[in-house]
Protein backbone atom coordinates (compact mmCIF):
# COMPACT_ATOMS: atom_id res chain seq x y z
CA MET A 1 88.08 -50.42 -108.77
CA LYS A 2 86.39 -51.61 -111.93
CA VAL A 3 86.64 -49.41 -115.00
CA GLU A 4 84.86 -50.22 -118.26
CA LEU A 5 84.46 -48.55 -121.63
CA ARG A 6 80.95 -47.36 -122.35
CA GLY A 7 79.34 -45.58 -125.22
CA ILE A 8 79.25 -41.85 -124.51
CA GLU A 9 75.52 -41.84 -125.27
CA THR A 10 74.83 -44.26 -122.39
CA ILE A 11 75.74 -41.74 -119.67
CA ARG A 12 74.13 -38.39 -118.97
CA PRO A 13 74.94 -35.32 -116.84
CA TYR A 14 73.33 -34.57 -113.49
CA GLU A 15 70.60 -32.03 -114.25
CA GLN A 16 71.16 -30.06 -111.04
CA ASN A 17 74.93 -29.87 -111.32
CA PRO A 18 75.81 -26.55 -109.59
CA GLN A 19 79.29 -26.26 -111.08
CA LEU A 20 79.78 -24.01 -114.11
CA ASN A 21 82.50 -25.61 -116.22
CA ASP A 22 82.01 -24.51 -119.82
CA GLN A 23 85.11 -22.28 -119.65
CA ALA A 24 87.25 -25.31 -118.75
CA VAL A 25 86.12 -27.63 -121.56
CA GLU A 26 88.70 -26.40 -124.10
CA ALA A 27 91.63 -26.90 -121.72
CA VAL A 28 90.43 -30.37 -120.67
CA ALA A 29 89.94 -31.37 -124.32
CA LYS A 30 93.57 -30.41 -125.06
CA SER A 31 94.67 -32.37 -122.02
CA LEU A 32 92.79 -35.48 -123.21
CA GLN A 33 94.40 -35.21 -126.62
CA GLU A 34 97.89 -34.93 -125.12
CA PHE A 35 97.70 -37.35 -122.19
CA GLY A 36 94.72 -39.57 -122.98
CA PHE A 37 91.79 -40.50 -120.69
CA ARG A 38 93.59 -41.22 -117.38
CA GLN A 39 90.64 -40.59 -115.02
CA PRO A 40 87.35 -42.39 -115.59
CA ILE A 41 83.98 -40.70 -115.39
CA VAL A 42 82.17 -41.80 -112.21
CA VAL A 43 78.46 -42.54 -112.60
CA ASP A 44 75.68 -43.98 -110.47
CA PRO A 45 73.88 -47.24 -111.38
CA GLU A 46 71.47 -45.23 -113.56
CA GLY A 47 74.31 -43.82 -115.65
CA VAL A 48 74.03 -40.29 -114.18
CA ILE A 49 77.41 -38.59 -113.80
CA ILE A 50 78.65 -38.12 -110.26
CA VAL A 51 82.18 -36.89 -111.06
CA GLY A 52 83.54 -35.98 -114.48
CA HIS A 53 81.09 -33.56 -116.09
CA THR A 54 83.91 -31.54 -117.69
CA ARG A 55 85.63 -34.65 -119.04
CA TRP A 56 82.33 -35.80 -120.50
CA LYS A 57 81.83 -32.45 -122.29
CA ALA A 58 85.44 -32.50 -123.53
CA ALA A 59 84.96 -36.04 -124.88
CA GLN A 60 81.88 -34.87 -126.76
CA LYS A 61 83.86 -31.94 -128.17
CA LEU A 62 86.53 -34.33 -129.41
CA GLY A 63 83.94 -36.64 -130.95
CA LEU A 64 84.87 -39.67 -128.81
CA LYS A 65 82.50 -42.60 -129.13
CA GLN A 66 83.53 -44.40 -125.93
CA VAL A 67 84.81 -43.18 -122.56
CA PRO A 68 86.16 -45.00 -119.47
CA VAL A 69 83.50 -45.24 -116.78
CA HIS A 70 83.40 -46.39 -113.16
CA VAL A 71 80.00 -47.23 -111.65
CA ALA A 72 79.83 -46.32 -107.95
CA THR A 73 77.37 -48.95 -106.80
CA GLU A 74 78.37 -48.91 -103.13
CA LEU A 75 77.58 -45.22 -102.44
CA THR A 76 74.35 -44.12 -100.76
CA LEU A 77 72.20 -41.35 -102.23
CA ALA A 78 73.58 -38.92 -99.66
CA GLN A 79 77.16 -39.92 -100.43
CA VAL A 80 76.56 -39.48 -104.14
CA LYS A 81 75.33 -35.91 -103.58
CA ALA A 82 78.16 -35.12 -101.18
CA TYR A 83 80.82 -36.62 -103.47
CA ARG A 84 79.85 -34.20 -106.27
CA PHE A 85 80.74 -31.27 -104.02
CA ALA A 86 83.76 -32.81 -102.32
CA ASP A 87 85.51 -33.81 -105.55
CA SER A 88 85.40 -30.27 -106.94
CA GLN A 89 85.91 -28.32 -103.73
CA THR A 90 88.82 -30.29 -102.29
CA ALA A 91 90.80 -29.64 -105.49
CA THR A 92 90.67 -25.91 -104.75
CA LEU A 93 92.25 -26.31 -101.30
CA ALA A 94 95.71 -27.12 -102.63
CA GLU A 95 98.18 -24.29 -103.33
CA TRP A 96 101.19 -24.00 -105.61
CA ASN A 97 104.71 -23.58 -104.34
CA TYR A 98 105.78 -20.58 -106.41
CA ASP A 99 109.45 -21.20 -105.64
CA LEU A 100 109.38 -24.65 -107.26
CA LEU A 101 106.72 -24.08 -109.91
CA PRO A 102 108.88 -21.82 -112.14
CA LEU A 103 111.68 -24.38 -112.03
CA GLU A 104 109.35 -27.14 -113.21
CA PHE A 105 107.94 -24.96 -115.98
CA LYS A 106 111.44 -24.04 -117.17
CA ASP A 107 112.34 -27.72 -117.27
CA LEU A 108 109.29 -28.43 -119.42
CA ALA A 109 110.08 -25.49 -121.70
CA GLY A 110 113.61 -26.87 -122.09
CA MET A 111 112.07 -30.14 -123.27
CA ASP A 112 110.14 -28.24 -125.97
CA PHE A 113 106.83 -29.03 -124.27
CA ASP A 114 103.89 -26.76 -125.05
CA LEU A 115 103.14 -25.02 -121.73
CA SER A 116 99.70 -23.93 -122.96
CA LEU A 117 98.57 -27.55 -122.39
CA LEU A 118 99.00 -27.15 -118.63
CA GLY A 119 95.74 -25.27 -118.18
CA PHE A 120 97.32 -21.97 -117.08
CA ALA A 121 96.27 -18.73 -118.73
CA PRO A 122 99.01 -16.99 -120.78
CA GLU A 123 99.23 -14.12 -118.28
CA GLU A 124 99.62 -16.62 -115.43
CA LEU A 125 102.46 -18.37 -117.23
CA GLY A 126 104.13 -15.03 -117.88
CA ALA A 127 103.90 -14.02 -114.23
CA ILE A 128 105.25 -17.36 -113.00
CA LEU A 129 108.17 -17.37 -115.43
CA ALA A 130 109.00 -13.68 -114.94
CA PRO A 131 112.39 -12.88 -113.39
CA SER A 132 112.40 -12.45 -109.64
CA GLY A 133 112.03 -8.88 -108.43
CA ASP A 134 109.32 -7.89 -110.91
CA GLU A 135 111.35 -4.91 -112.06
CA GLY A 136 109.10 -2.27 -113.56
CA LEU A 137 105.94 -3.99 -112.37
CA THR A 138 105.71 -2.49 -108.90
CA ASP A 139 103.36 0.25 -107.80
CA PRO A 140 105.03 3.59 -108.69
CA ASP A 141 103.69 5.06 -105.44
CA ALA A 142 105.02 2.24 -103.28
CA VAL A 143 107.63 3.35 -100.77
CA PRO A 144 110.17 0.67 -99.83
CA ALA A 145 110.88 0.03 -96.17
CA PRO A 146 114.07 1.66 -94.88
CA PRO A 147 117.08 -0.66 -94.51
CA ASP A 148 118.22 -1.85 -91.11
CA GLU A 149 121.53 -0.01 -91.59
CA LEU A 150 121.50 3.36 -93.34
CA ILE A 151 124.00 3.85 -96.14
CA THR A 152 124.19 7.64 -95.91
CA GLN A 153 125.50 9.11 -92.66
CA PRO A 154 125.52 12.77 -91.59
CA GLY A 155 128.46 14.56 -93.17
CA ASP A 156 128.87 12.16 -96.10
CA PRO A 157 129.66 14.00 -99.39
CA TRP A 158 127.97 12.71 -102.56
CA ILE A 159 129.61 13.39 -105.94
CA LEU A 160 127.02 14.35 -108.57
CA GLY A 161 129.05 15.03 -111.71
CA ASN A 162 130.58 18.47 -111.23
CA HIS A 163 128.50 19.05 -108.11
CA ARG A 164 128.86 17.98 -104.53
CA LEU A 165 126.03 17.23 -102.13
CA LEU A 166 126.84 17.27 -98.43
CA ASP A 167 124.49 15.46 -96.09
CA GLY A 168 124.26 17.40 -92.88
CA ALA A 169 121.86 19.44 -90.78
CA LYS A 170 123.99 22.61 -91.10
CA VAL A 171 123.71 22.82 -94.88
CA HIS A 172 120.87 24.94 -96.26
CA LEU A 173 120.11 25.53 -99.90
CA CYS A 174 117.58 27.95 -101.34
CA ASN A 175 117.09 27.89 -105.09
CA THR A 176 114.77 30.71 -106.10
CA ASP A 177 114.71 30.09 -109.84
CA PRO A 178 115.34 26.41 -110.63
CA PRO A 179 117.10 25.08 -112.50
CA TYR A 180 119.31 28.10 -113.36
CA ASN A 181 119.15 30.07 -110.09
CA VAL A 182 118.86 33.42 -111.91
CA LYS A 183 117.59 36.32 -109.88
CA VAL A 184 114.18 37.44 -111.15
CA GLU A 185 113.53 41.19 -111.08
CA PRO A 186 111.63 43.80 -113.12
CA ARG A 187 112.98 44.36 -116.62
CA SER A 188 111.06 47.44 -117.83
CA ASN A 189 112.57 50.90 -118.26
CA ASN A 190 110.11 52.37 -115.81
CA ALA A 191 111.10 49.83 -113.16
CA ILE A 192 114.77 50.68 -113.69
CA ALA A 193 114.03 54.41 -113.50
CA ALA A 194 112.00 53.91 -110.35
CA GLY A 195 114.86 52.03 -108.68
CA LEU A 196 113.02 48.68 -108.64
CA SER A 197 115.81 46.94 -110.56
CA SER A 198 119.38 46.22 -109.55
CA PHE A 199 120.61 47.78 -112.81
CA PRO A 200 121.56 51.44 -112.19
CA ALA A 201 120.74 53.77 -115.06
CA SER A 202 124.11 55.53 -114.75
CA ASP A 203 126.00 52.35 -115.70
CA ALA A 204 124.91 52.62 -119.31
CA HIS A 205 126.94 55.82 -119.73
CA ARG A 206 130.06 53.90 -118.72
CA GLY A 207 129.39 51.09 -121.19
CA LEU A 208 128.56 48.51 -118.50
CA MET A 209 126.16 45.74 -119.37
CA HIS A 210 123.89 43.96 -116.92
CA HIS A 211 121.57 41.06 -117.54
CA GLN A 212 118.71 43.57 -117.13
CA SER A 213 120.38 46.20 -119.33
CA PHE A 214 119.81 44.64 -122.72
CA ASP A 215 116.29 46.04 -123.04
CA VAL A 216 117.61 49.53 -122.40
CA ALA A 217 120.65 49.19 -124.65
CA ARG A 218 118.57 47.78 -127.44
CA GLN A 219 116.30 50.83 -127.46
CA GLY A 220 119.23 53.26 -127.53
CA VAL A 221 117.73 55.62 -124.90
CA MET A 222 118.06 55.86 -121.16
CA PRO A 223 115.06 55.87 -118.85
CA LEU A 224 114.24 59.32 -117.51
CA PRO A 225 112.67 60.37 -114.24
CA ALA A 226 108.95 59.93 -113.86
CA PRO A 227 106.67 62.85 -114.85
CA GLU A 228 106.26 65.59 -112.25
CA ILE A 229 102.79 66.38 -110.92
CA VAL A 230 102.32 70.16 -110.59
CA PRO A 231 99.37 71.15 -108.38
CA GLY A 232 96.95 73.69 -109.79
CA ARG A 233 96.46 77.05 -108.19
CA GLY A 234 93.68 77.02 -105.63
CA CYS A 235 92.07 73.89 -107.02
CA PRO A 236 93.57 70.39 -106.86
CA SER A 237 91.47 69.34 -109.84
CA ARG A 238 93.53 71.66 -112.03
CA SER A 239 96.74 69.78 -111.35
CA ARG A 240 98.64 68.93 -114.50
CA THR A 241 101.41 66.57 -115.53
CA VAL A 242 104.65 68.08 -116.73
CA VAL A 243 106.46 65.78 -119.16
CA PRO A 244 110.23 66.40 -119.47
CA ALA A 245 111.29 67.74 -122.82
CA ALA A 246 113.45 64.72 -123.56
CA ARG A 247 110.40 62.47 -123.34
CA ARG A 248 108.14 64.60 -125.53
CA PRO A 249 107.55 63.26 -129.05
CA CYS A 250 109.73 64.95 -131.68
CA ARG A 251 108.52 66.03 -135.06
CA ARG A 252 110.67 65.22 -138.03
CA ALA A 253 111.65 68.16 -140.22
CA ARG A 254 110.06 68.14 -143.59
CA SER A 255 112.42 68.11 -146.50
CA SER A 256 111.96 71.03 -148.88
């Protein structure tokens, strides 16, 4: 294959080139600076580019005056058109071996080589060089598959600090007020007087304290029975409420 140096102004791009390559020009320009021009631009006898449009743009970006060129004189018009597609498309068919690729990149990094010259985006390099397992990068809703052999067996006790958890079908736990498991019940005086609380009113006279008794003790009075409804004579609408004397408001004596 004959390769010759030609002035960059003597070759021109194919006007109907269907490949969009502007985003790759910067990376190819860096590659040319680092490695040199190792692949010639292929043109037809008229100087129209068949393969190498991105290299041609990168050479222009670098201000190169001459580029290596190969003239494909033996190709038919149909082959020239087909070659434009085949050269670009066949390159996309290859795949990377992601078991070996990180090893090669680490070797290059150990040689103080700039990995940004390889043409990979920074996020791609980070993903390839990331530790295996991708800890912290998995889907938080992903549920791992169960192991072939279960670790926990029925009846196994698990030690959780000062607590013990027993794995078994016969163990039942009902926690009604997590995390303290405190019984929730009415705290008002009226609820205690009506018998809706576990704290008996008579216990206060004996100096007993209950977790529901602090409201009562703080007020210094004991709850009294509910008011009595006295029916009116001959007419229910005349019924009246009799309030016990101990619950009636007291008037303070005026000082003379």
